[in-house]
Protein backbone atom coordinates (compact mmCIF):
# COMPACT_ATOMS: atom_id res chain seq x y z
CA MET A 1 -21.84 0.03 23.16
CA ALA A 2 -22.07 1.84 26.44
CA ALA A 3 -19.10 3.61 28.05
CA MET A 4 -16.86 1.56 30.34
CA THR A 5 -17.66 1.43 34.01
CA GLY A 6 -14.47 -0.44 34.98
CA PRO A 7 -11.16 -1.71 33.61
CA ARG A 8 -10.92 -3.92 30.55
CA SER A 9 -8.24 -5.75 28.60
CA ALA A 10 -7.52 -3.94 25.32
CA THR A 11 -5.70 -5.66 22.46
CA ARG A 12 -2.74 -3.57 21.34
CA ARG A 13 -2.10 -3.26 17.60
CA MET A 14 1.48 -2.24 16.82
CA GLY A 15 0.39 -0.57 13.59
CA ASP A 16 2.98 -2.23 11.37
CA PHE A 17 0.52 -4.65 9.78
CA GLN A 18 -3.16 -5.01 9.00
CA THR A 19 -5.36 -7.92 7.95
CA ASP A 20 -7.95 -7.44 5.22
CA ILE A 21 -10.39 -9.56 3.22
CA VAL A 22 -9.14 -10.20 -0.33
CA LYS A 23 -11.43 -9.34 -3.24
CA ASP A 24 -13.08 -12.37 -4.85
CA ASN A 25 -10.96 -14.02 -7.57
CA GLU A 26 -7.90 -11.87 -6.75
CA ILE A 27 -4.41 -13.36 -6.47
CA ILE A 28 -1.98 -11.24 -4.47
CA TYR A 29 1.67 -12.35 -4.43
CA ARG A 30 4.07 -12.00 -1.50
CA GLY A 31 5.83 -8.65 -1.84
CA ALA A 32 3.09 -7.07 -3.97
CA ALA A 33 1.76 -3.63 -3.16
CA VAL A 34 -1.78 -3.94 -1.80
CA CYS A 35 -4.60 -1.40 -1.81
CA LEU A 36 -8.20 -1.32 -0.68
CA ASP A 37 -10.83 -0.82 -3.36
CA ALA A 38 -14.12 1.07 -2.98
CA THR A 39 -15.67 -1.91 -1.16
CA GLY A 40 -12.80 -2.06 1.36
CA GLU A 41 -11.39 -5.31 -0.02
CA ALA A 42 -7.69 -5.95 -0.66
CA VAL A 43 -6.55 -5.80 -4.30
CA ASN A 44 -3.26 -5.49 -6.14
CA ALA A 45 -2.06 -1.92 -6.60
CA THR A 46 -2.67 -0.77 -10.15
CA ALA A 47 -2.81 2.42 -12.23
CA ALA A 48 -6.37 3.32 -11.24
CA THR A 49 -8.07 5.99 -9.17
CA GLY A 50 -9.99 5.39 -5.95
CA LEU A 51 -7.58 2.93 -4.33
CA ILE A 52 -6.28 3.37 -0.79
CA THR A 53 -2.75 2.11 -0.24
CA ARG A 54 -2.57 -0.46 2.52
CA GLY A 55 1.01 -1.80 2.30
CA VAL A 56 2.90 -4.90 1.10
CA ALA A 57 1.63 -8.49 1.16
CA ARG A 58 3.35 -10.77 3.70
CA ASP A 59 2.39 -13.93 1.82
CA THR A 60 0.81 -15.02 -1.45
CA VAL A 61 -2.97 -15.36 -1.24
CA ASP A 62 -5.00 -16.98 -4.02
CA ASN A 63 -8.60 -15.99 -3.42
CA THR A 64 -10.08 -17.73 -6.46
CA ASP A 65 -12.02 -19.87 -3.96
CA ASP A 66 -13.13 -16.70 -2.10
CA GLY A 67 -13.29 -15.97 1.60
CA LYS A 68 -9.56 -15.48 2.27
CA SER A 69 -7.80 -12.67 4.09
CA ILE A 70 -4.26 -11.31 3.83
CA ASP A 71 -1.72 -9.83 6.24
CA ILE A 72 -0.28 -6.58 4.91
CA ASP A 73 2.85 -4.87 6.25
CA THR A 74 3.14 -1.10 6.41
CA GLY A 75 6.43 0.78 6.47
CA THR A 76 9.10 1.72 3.95
CA PHE A 77 9.68 -0.63 1.00
CA GLU A 78 11.56 -0.54 -2.31
CA PHE A 79 9.62 -0.43 -5.56
CA PHE A 80 10.63 -0.18 -9.20
CA ASN A 81 10.72 3.29 -10.77
CA LYS A 82 8.65 3.66 -13.95
CA THR A 83 10.75 4.50 -16.99
CA ALA A 84 9.63 7.72 -18.70
CA ASP A 85 7.84 8.89 -15.51
CA GLU A 86 10.74 8.43 -13.11
CA LEU A 87 11.06 9.78 -9.62
CA SER A 88 14.36 11.36 -8.61
CA GLN A 89 16.04 12.29 -5.36
CA ASP A 90 14.55 15.80 -5.50
CA GLU A 91 11.08 14.22 -5.04
CA VAL A 92 11.96 12.92 -1.54
CA GLY A 93 9.04 13.84 0.71
CA ASP A 94 6.57 14.02 -2.19
CA LYS A 95 3.73 11.64 -2.98
CA CYS A 96 4.25 9.02 -5.66
CA PHE A 97 1.65 6.95 -7.50
CA TRP A 98 1.01 3.32 -8.48
CA GLU A 99 1.76 2.08 -11.97
CA ASP A 100 1.29 -1.57 -10.92
CA ASN A 101 1.82 -3.72 -7.84
CA GLN A 102 5.61 -3.30 -7.89
CA THR A 103 6.17 0.00 -9.73
CA VAL A 104 5.71 3.65 -8.71
CA CYS A 105 5.76 6.81 -10.80
CA LYS A 106 5.78 10.58 -10.52
CA THR A 107 2.56 11.56 -12.31
CA GLY A 108 -0.76 11.02 -10.56
CA THR A 109 -3.20 11.54 -13.42
CA GLY A 110 -5.58 8.57 -13.44
CA LYS A 111 -3.71 6.87 -10.59
CA SER A 112 -3.91 6.39 -6.84
CA ALA A 113 -1.31 7.63 -4.38
CA ALA A 114 1.24 4.98 -3.38
CA GLY A 115 2.99 6.74 -0.52
CA ILE A 116 5.76 9.13 0.38
CA VAL A 117 9.11 9.00 -1.47
CA MET A 118 11.83 8.37 1.13
CA SER A 119 14.81 7.94 -1.24
CA VAL A 120 15.82 6.98 -4.77
CA ASP A 121 18.77 4.61 -5.14
CA VAL A 122 21.04 6.11 -7.82
CA GLY A 123 22.60 2.70 -8.49
CA THR A 124 19.46 0.63 -8.99
CA GLY A 125 16.90 3.37 -9.61
CA LYS A 126 14.57 1.76 -7.07
CA VAL A 127 12.40 4.04 -4.98
CA SER A 128 11.98 3.61 -1.22
CA VAL A 129 8.39 4.50 -0.39
CA SER A 130 6.64 4.81 2.96
CA VAL A 131 3.35 2.97 2.44
CA GLY A 132 0.23 2.72 4.53
CA VAL A 133 -3.00 4.67 4.90
CA LEU A 134 -1.83 7.45 7.22
CA PRO A 135 1.24 8.93 5.47
CA VAL A 136 -0.47 9.48 2.12
CA HIS A 137 -3.58 11.09 3.55
CA LEU A 138 -1.52 13.58 5.55
CA LEU A 139 -0.41 15.18 2.28
CA ALA A 140 -3.91 15.57 0.84
């Protein structure tokens, strides 16, 4: 594409959501943590390396018929805290890691980064995590 030689209309993206193609035969439920795999397709967050956190699914998408896409919100969301590998308030500002599509943990061995710990609710134990591509990669 050549450089502009006059004005144009540019679509503004607010940055609080993205749309991605869902991996074949994947079912992603509303509220699930979503990552991109090595092929750039949306998958459920899981305890595996090589995933890039994208955010949280806006709706349930059943891609068993293939060819579907999903809207994914970025921002700060609550996730469950893995028992026996729990995050605590002193980890605020640190990276946390995926155990599954609704649970985060402290230890990153064999796992992909989930996001940045924003707070840990002492009453429920849930962890507020800032999710999306940019925050995690800033801490590399």
